[in-house]
């Protein structure tokens, strides 16, 4: 059984502010999320995928495109 995280919990998982996740949802730049009954929820596996997609070996390296 998977456990969904609320925005606050997902922000803590990523060591970010909840406001950052809210802004990213609006711009489409953040991790994949679900809307369940009008509430935003995140899967830890999606957050892990987002973290892995952010891996870089150089500051000049372009971001990877994450398929949603």
PDB file of N, CA and C in Angstrom:
ATOM      1  N   UNK A   1       0.854  -1.182   0.000  1.00  0.00           N
ATOM      2  CA  UNK A   1       0.000   0.000   0.000  1.00  0.00           C
ATOM      3  C   UNK A   1       0.898   1.243   0.000  1.00  0.00           C
ATOM      4  N   UNK A   2       0.624   2.165  -0.899  1.00  0.00           N
ATOM      5  CA  UNK A   2       1.438   3.382  -0.967  1.00  0.00           C
ATOM      6  C   UNK A   2       0.823   4.462  -0.073  1.00  0.00           C
ATOM      7  N   UNK A   3       1.670   5.287   0.408  1.00  0.00           N
ATOM      8  CA  UNK A   3       1.220   6.370   1.283  1.00  0.00           C
ATOM      9  C   UNK A   3       1.400   7.697   0.565  1.00  0.00           C
ATOM     10  N   UNK A   4       0.338   8.414   0.420  1.00  0.00           N
ATOM     11  CA  UNK A   4       0.393   9.734  -0.191  1.00  0.00           C
ATOM     12  C   UNK A   4       0.828  10.764   0.845  1.00  0.00           C
ATOM     13  N   UNK A   5       1.574  11.756   0.393  1.00  0.00           N
ATOM     14  CA  UNK A   5       2.028  12.831   1.261  1.00  0.00           C
ATOM     15  C   UNK A   5       1.279  14.115   0.926  1.00  0.00           C
ATOM     16  N   UNK A   6       0.958  14.878   1.944  1.00  0.00           N
ATOM     17  CA  UNK A   6       0.379  16.210   1.754  1.00  0.00           C
ATOM     18  C   UNK A   6       1.501  17.170   1.387  1.00  0.00           C
ATOM     19  N   UNK A   7       1.146  18.374   0.967  1.00  0.00           N
ATOM     20  CA  UNK A   7       2.144  19.349   0.536  1.00  0.00           C
ATOM     21  C   UNK A   7       3.183  19.605   1.619  1.00  0.00           C
ATOM     22  N   UNK A   8       2.773  19.798   2.851  1.00  0.00           N
ATOM     23  CA  UNK A   8       3.706  20.054   3.948  1.00  0.00           C
ATOM     24  C   UNK A   8       4.691  18.899   4.109  1.00  0.00           C
ATOM     25  N   UNK A   9       4.183  17.678   4.064  1.00  0.00           N
ATOM     26  CA  UNK A   9       5.040  16.502   4.213  1.00  0.00           C
ATOM     27  C   UNK A   9       6.000  16.365   3.035  1.00  0.00           C
ATOM     28  N   UNK A  10       5.509  16.617   1.827  1.00  0.00           N
ATOM     29  CA  UNK A  10       6.358  16.538   0.637  1.00  0.00           C
ATOM     30  C   UNK A  10       7.445  17.606   0.693  1.00  0.00           C
ATOM     31  N   UNK A  11       7.090  18.785   1.159  1.00  0.00           N
ATOM     32  CA  UNK A  11       8.077  19.864   1.294  1.00  0.00           C
ATOM     33  C   UNK A  11       9.168  19.465   2.289  1.00  0.00           C
ATOM     34  N   UNK A  12       8.788  18.869   3.386  1.00  0.00           N
ATOM     35  CA  UNK A  12       9.770  18.403   4.371  1.00  0.00           C
ATOM     36  C   UNK A  12      10.652  17.314   3.764  1.00  0.00           C
ATOM     37  N   UNK A  13      10.064  16.419   3.004  1.00  0.00           N
ATOM     38  CA  UNK A  13      10.793  15.332   2.339  1.00  0.00           C
ATOM     39  C   UNK A  13      11.878  15.899   1.415  1.00  0.00           C
ATOM     40  N   UNK A  14      11.530  17.001   0.715  1.00  0.00           N
ATOM     41  CA  UNK A  14      12.459  17.628  -0.228  1.00  0.00           C
ATOM     42  C   UNK A  14      13.307  18.731   0.400  1.00  0.00           C
ATOM     43  N   UNK A  15      13.052  19.022   1.668  1.00  0.00           N
ATOM     44  CA  UNK A  15      13.745  20.098   2.389  1.00  0.00           C
ATOM     45  C   UNK A  15      13.517  21.449   1.700  1.00  0.00           C
ATOM     46  N   UNK A  16      12.247  21.694   1.369  1.00  0.00           N
ATOM     47  CA  UNK A  16      11.813  22.939   0.734  1.00  0.00           C
ATOM     48  C   UNK A  16      10.650  23.518   1.523  1.00  0.00           C
ATOM     49  N   UNK A  17      10.272  24.726   1.178  1.00  0.00           N
ATOM     50  CA  UNK A  17       9.076  25.291   1.795  1.00  0.00           C
ATOM     51  C   UNK A  17       7.843  24.821   1.025  1.00  0.00           C
ATOM     52  N   UNK A  18       6.714  24.697   1.703  1.00  0.00           N
ATOM     53  CA  UNK A  18       5.483  24.340   1.006  1.00  0.00           C
ATOM     54  C   UNK A  18       5.149  25.344  -0.108  1.00  0.00           C
ATOM     55  N   UNK A  19       5.480  26.595   0.117  1.00  0.00           N
ATOM     56  CA  UNK A  19       5.217  27.634  -0.884  1.00  0.00           C
ATOM     57  C   UNK A  19       5.976  27.358  -2.184  1.00  0.00           C
ATOM     58  N   UNK A  20       7.184  26.835  -2.076  1.00  0.00           N
ATOM     59  CA  UNK A  20       7.958  26.482  -3.274  1.00  0.00           C
ATOM     60  C   UNK A  20       7.215  25.431  -4.083  1.00  0.00           C
ATOM     61  N   UNK A  21       6.704  24.393  -3.427  1.00  0.00           N
ATOM     62  CA  UNK A  21       5.945  23.364  -4.139  1.00  0.00           C
ATOM     63  C   UNK A  21       4.686  23.950  -4.771  1.00  0.00           C
ATOM     64  N   UNK A  22       4.027  24.853  -4.065  1.00  0.00           N
ATOM     65  CA  UNK A  22       2.835  25.496  -4.620  1.00  0.00           C
ATOM     66  C   UNK A  22       3.170  26.278  -5.885  1.00  0.00           C
ATOM     67  N   UNK A  23       4.261  27.021  -5.857  1.00  0.00           N
ATOM     68  CA  UNK A  23       4.694  27.785  -7.039  1.00  0.00           C
ATOM     69  C   UNK A  23       5.064  26.844  -8.174  1.00  0.00           C
ATOM     70  N   UNK A  24       5.766  25.768  -7.858  1.00  0.00           N
ATOM     71  CA  UNK A  24       6.142  24.810  -8.883  1.00  0.00           C
ATOM     72  C   UNK A  24       4.927  24.137  -9.500  1.00  0.00           C
ATOM     73  N   UNK A  25       3.891  23.856  -8.709  1.00  0.00           N
ATOM     74  CA  UNK A  25       2.675  23.263  -9.274  1.00  0.00           C
ATOM     75  C   UNK A  25       2.047  24.211 -10.285  1.00  0.00           C
ATOM     76  N   UNK A  26       2.032  25.492  -9.963  1.00  0.00           N
ATOM     77  CA  UNK A  26       1.441  26.492 -10.855  1.00  0.00           C
ATOM     78  C   UNK A  26       2.217  26.590 -12.165  1.00  0.00           C
ATOM     79  N   UNK A  27       3.553  26.532 -12.066  1.00  0.00           N
ATOM     80  CA  UNK A  27       4.393  26.683 -13.255  1.00  0.00           C
ATOM     81  C   UNK A  27       4.649  25.357 -13.980  1.00  0.00           C
ATOM     82  N   UNK A  28       4.336  24.244 -13.341  1.00  0.00           N
ATOM     83  CA  UNK A  28       4.578  22.934 -13.942  1.00  0.00           C
ATOM     84  C   UNK A  28       6.018  22.476 -13.851  1.00  0.00           C
ATOM     85  N   UNK A  29       6.809  23.072 -12.951  1.00  0.00           N
ATOM     86  CA  UNK A  29       8.225  22.732 -12.836  1.00  0.00           C
ATOM     87  C   UNK A  29       8.547  21.758 -11.707  1.00  0.00           C
ATOM     88  N   UNK A  30       7.590  21.386 -10.928  1.00  0.00           N
ATOM     89  CA  UNK A  30       7.864  20.560  -9.759  1.00  0.00           C
ATOM     90  C   UNK A  30       7.609  19.087  -9.992  1.00  0.00           C
ATOM     91  N   UNK A  31       7.626  18.326  -8.905  1.00  0.00           N
ATOM     92  CA  UNK A  31       7.377  16.887  -9.002  1.00  0.00           C
ATOM     93  C   UNK A  31       5.927  16.598  -9.365  1.00  0.00           C
ATOM     94  N   UNK A  32       5.724  15.418  -9.909  1.00  0.00           N
ATOM     95  CA  UNK A  32       4.377  14.957 -10.248  1.00  0.00           C
ATOM     96  C   UNK A  32       3.533  14.886  -8.979  1.00  0.00           C
ATOM     97  N   UNK A  33       2.282  15.274  -9.103  1.00  0.00           N
ATOM     98  CA  UNK A  33       1.361  15.213  -7.966  1.00  0.00           C
ATOM     99  C   UNK A  33       0.013  14.715  -8.446  1.00  0.00           C
ATOM    100  N   UNK A  34      -0.852  14.428  -7.499  1.00  0.00           N
ATOM    101  CA  UNK A  34      -2.217  13.998  -7.804  1.00  0.00           C
ATOM    102  C   UNK A  34      -3.200  14.922  -7.112  1.00  0.00           C
ATOM    103  N   UNK A  35      -4.351  15.101  -7.743  1.00  0.00           N
ATOM    104  CA  UNK A  35      -5.463  15.812  -7.109  1.00  0.00           C
ATOM    105  C   UNK A  35      -6.495  14.754  -6.755  1.00  0.00           C
ATOM    106  N   UNK A  36      -6.712  14.566  -5.484  1.00  0.00           N
ATOM    107  CA  UNK A  36      -7.655  13.565  -5.002  1.00  0.00           C
ATOM    108  C   UNK A  36      -8.705  14.282  -4.175  1.00  0.00           C
ATOM    109  N   UNK A  37      -9.910  14.295  -4.670  1.00  0.00           N
ATOM    110  CA  UNK A  37     -10.981  14.981  -3.954  1.00  0.00           C
ATOM    111  C   UNK A  37     -10.683  16.453  -3.715  1.00  0.00           C
ATOM    112  N   UNK A  38      -9.992  17.081  -4.641  1.00  0.00           N
ATOM    113  CA  UNK A  38      -9.657  18.493  -4.505  1.00  0.00           C
ATOM    114  C   UNK A  38      -8.411  18.768  -3.689  1.00  0.00           C
ATOM    115  N   UNK A  39      -7.786  17.711  -3.159  1.00  0.00           N
ATOM    116  CA  UNK A  39      -6.568  17.863  -2.357  1.00  0.00           C
ATOM    117  C   UNK A  39      -5.353  17.402  -3.152  1.00  0.00           C
ATOM    118  N   UNK A  40      -4.249  18.097  -2.986  1.00  0.00           N
ATOM    119  CA  UNK A  40      -3.001  17.740  -3.662  1.00  0.00           C
ATOM    120  C   UNK A  40      -2.267  16.697  -2.830  1.00  0.00           C
ATOM    121  N   UNK A  41      -1.804  15.639  -3.501  1.00  0.00           N
ATOM    122  CA  UNK A  41      -1.061  14.572  -2.828  1.00  0.00           C
ATOM    123  C   UNK A  41       0.140  14.176  -3.680  1.00  0.00           C
ATOM    124  N   UNK A  42       1.208  13.771  -3.004  1.00  0.00           N
ATOM    125  CA  UNK A  42       2.442  13.346  -3.659  1.00  0.00           C
ATOM    126  C   UNK A  42       2.765  11.919  -3.242  1.00  0.00           C
ATOM    127  N   UNK A  43       3.330  11.156  -4.171  1.00  0.00           N
ATOM    128  CA  UNK A  43       3.854   9.839  -3.849  1.00  0.00           C
ATOM    129  C   UNK A  43       5.353   9.968  -3.587  1.00  0.00           C
ATOM    130  N   UNK A  44       5.871   9.321  -2.546  1.00  0.00           N
ATOM    131  CA  UNK A  44       7.311   9.375  -2.299  1.00  0.00           C
ATOM    132  C   UNK A  44       8.132   8.938  -3.517  1.00  0.00           C
ATOM    133  N   UNK A  45       7.659   7.953  -4.264  1.00  0.00           N
ATOM    134  CA  UNK A  45       8.388   7.495  -5.453  1.00  0.00           C
ATOM    135  C   UNK A  45       8.511   8.612  -6.490  1.00  0.00           C
ATOM    136  N   UNK A  46       7.476   9.432  -6.632  1.00  0.00           N
ATOM    137  CA  UNK A  46       7.531  10.561  -7.563  1.00  0.00           C
ATOM    138  C   UNK A  46       8.516  11.619  -7.084  1.00  0.00           C
ATOM    139  N   UNK A  47       8.575  11.823  -5.781  1.00  0.00           N
ATOM    140  CA  UNK A  47       9.534  12.782  -5.226  1.00  0.00           C
ATOM    141  C   UNK A  47      10.965  12.278  -5.434  1.00  0.00           C
ATOM    142  N   UNK A  48      11.170  10.970  -5.265  1.00  0.00           N
ATOM    143  CA  UNK A  48      12.489  10.382  -5.501  1.00  0.00           C
ATOM    144  C   UNK A  48      12.891  10.537  -6.970  1.00  0.00           C
ATOM    145  N   UNK A  49      11.941  10.335  -7.875  1.00  0.00           N
ATOM    146  CA  UNK A  49      12.211  10.495  -9.307  1.00  0.00           C
ATOM    147  C   UNK A  49      12.583  11.943  -9.610  1.00  0.00           C
ATOM    148  N   UNK A  50      11.890  12.885  -9.001  1.00  0.00           N
ATOM    149  CA  UNK A  50      12.186  14.304  -9.181  1.00  0.00           C
ATOM    150  C   UNK A  50      13.603  14.626  -8.691  1.00  0.00           C
ATOM    151  N   UNK A  51      13.970  14.061  -7.552  1.00  0.00           N
ATOM    152  CA  UNK A  51      15.313  14.268  -7.007  1.00  0.00           C
ATOM    153  C   UNK A  51      16.365  13.702  -7.964  1.00  0.00           C
ATOM    154  N   UNK A  52      16.144  12.510  -8.476  1.00  0.00           N
ATOM    155  CA  UNK A  52      17.100  11.889  -9.398  1.00  0.00           C
ATOM    156  C   UNK A  52      17.238  12.703 -10.686  1.00  0.00           C
ATOM    157  N   UNK A  53      16.146  13.266 -11.174  1.00  0.00           N
ATOM    158  CA  UNK A  53      16.182  14.068 -12.401  1.00  0.00           C
ATOM    159  C   UNK A  53      16.980  15.354 -12.205  1.00  0.00           C
ATOM    160  N   UNK A  54      17.182  15.752 -10.964  1.00  0.00           N
ATOM    161  CA  UNK A  54      17.920  16.986 -10.666  1.00  0.00           C
ATOM    162  C   UNK A  54      19.426  16.749 -10.547  1.00  0.00           C
ATOM    163  N   UNK A  55      19.883  15.522 -10.739  1.00  0.00           N
ATOM    164  CA  UNK A  55      21.319  15.211 -10.625  1.00  0.00           C
ATOM    165  C   UNK A  55      22.099  15.922 -11.710  1.00  0.00           C
ATOM    166  N   UNK A  56      23.231  16.481 -11.321  1.00  0.00           N
ATOM    167  CA  UNK A  56      24.110  17.184 -12.254  1.00  0.00           C
ATOM    168  C   UNK A  56      25.562  16.862 -11.920  1.00  0.00           C
ATOM    169  N   UNK A  57      26.405  16.974 -12.915  1.00  0.00           N
ATOM    170  CA  UNK A  57      27.841  16.839 -12.696  1.00  0.00           C
ATOM    171  C   UNK A  57      28.538  18.173 -12.899  1.00  0.00           C
ATOM    172  N   UNK A  58      27.779  19.166 -13.361  1.00  0.00           N
ATOM    173  CA  UNK A  58      28.322  20.494 -13.628  1.00  0.00           C
ATOM    174  C   UNK A  58      27.193  21.505 -13.566  1.00  0.00           C
ATOM    175  N   UNK A  59      27.503  22.724 -13.171  1.00  0.00           N
ATOM    176  CA  UNK A  59      26.467  23.767 -13.163  1.00  0.00           C
ATOM    177  C   UNK A  59      26.051  24.144 -14.575  1.00  0.00           C
ATOM    178  N   UNK A  60      26.865  23.812 -15.567  1.00  0.00           N
ATOM    179  CA  UNK A  60      26.538  24.112 -16.962  1.00  0.00           C
ATOM    180  C   UNK A  60      25.674  23.030 -17.605  1.00  0.00           C
ATOM    181  N   UNK A  61      25.514  21.902 -16.929  1.00  0.00           N
ATOM    182  CA  UNK A  61      24.740  20.793 -17.475  1.00  0.00           C
ATOM    183  C   UNK A  61      23.264  21.171 -17.515  1.00  0.00           C
ATOM    184  N   UNK A  62      22.592  20.998 -18.650  1.00  0.00           N
ATOM    185  CA  UNK A  62      21.175  21.341 -18.732  1.00  0.00           C
ATOM    186  C   UNK A  62      20.306  20.348 -17.944  1.00  0.00           C
ATOM    187  N   UNK A  63      19.146  20.808 -17.569  1.00  0.00           N
ATOM    188  CA  UNK A  63      18.203  19.957 -16.837  1.00  0.00           C
ATOM    189  C   UNK A  63      17.660  18.886 -17.766  1.00  0.00           C
ATOM    190  N   UNK A  64      17.373  17.728 -17.190  1.00  0.00           N
ATOM    191  CA  UNK A  64      16.738  16.661 -17.952  1.00  0.00           C
ATOM    192  C   UNK A  64      15.251  16.956 -18.042  1.00  0.00           C
ATOM    193  N   UNK A  65      14.645  16.496 -19.104  1.00  0.00           N
ATOM    194  CA  UNK A  65      13.198  16.619 -19.241  1.00  0.00           C
ATOM    195  C   UNK A  65      12.592  15.392 -18.585  1.00  0.00           C
ATOM    196  N   UNK A  66      11.706  15.626 -17.626  1.00  0.00           N
ATOM    197  CA  UNK A  66      11.071  14.523 -16.894  1.00  0.00           C
ATOM    198  C   UNK A  66       9.732  14.238 -17.535  1.00  0.00           C
ATOM    199  N   UNK A  67       9.550  12.997 -17.977  1.00  0.00           N
ATOM    200  CA  UNK A  67       8.268  12.590 -18.558  1.00  0.00           C
ATOM    201  C   UNK A  67       7.230  12.469 -17.465  1.00  0.00           C
ATOM    202  N   UNK A  68       6.058  12.968 -17.726  1.00  0.00           N
ATOM    203  CA  UNK A  68       4.984  12.911 -16.735  1.00  0.00           C
ATOM    204  C   UNK A  68       3.905  11.979 -17.196  1.00  0.00           C
TER     205      UNK A  68
END
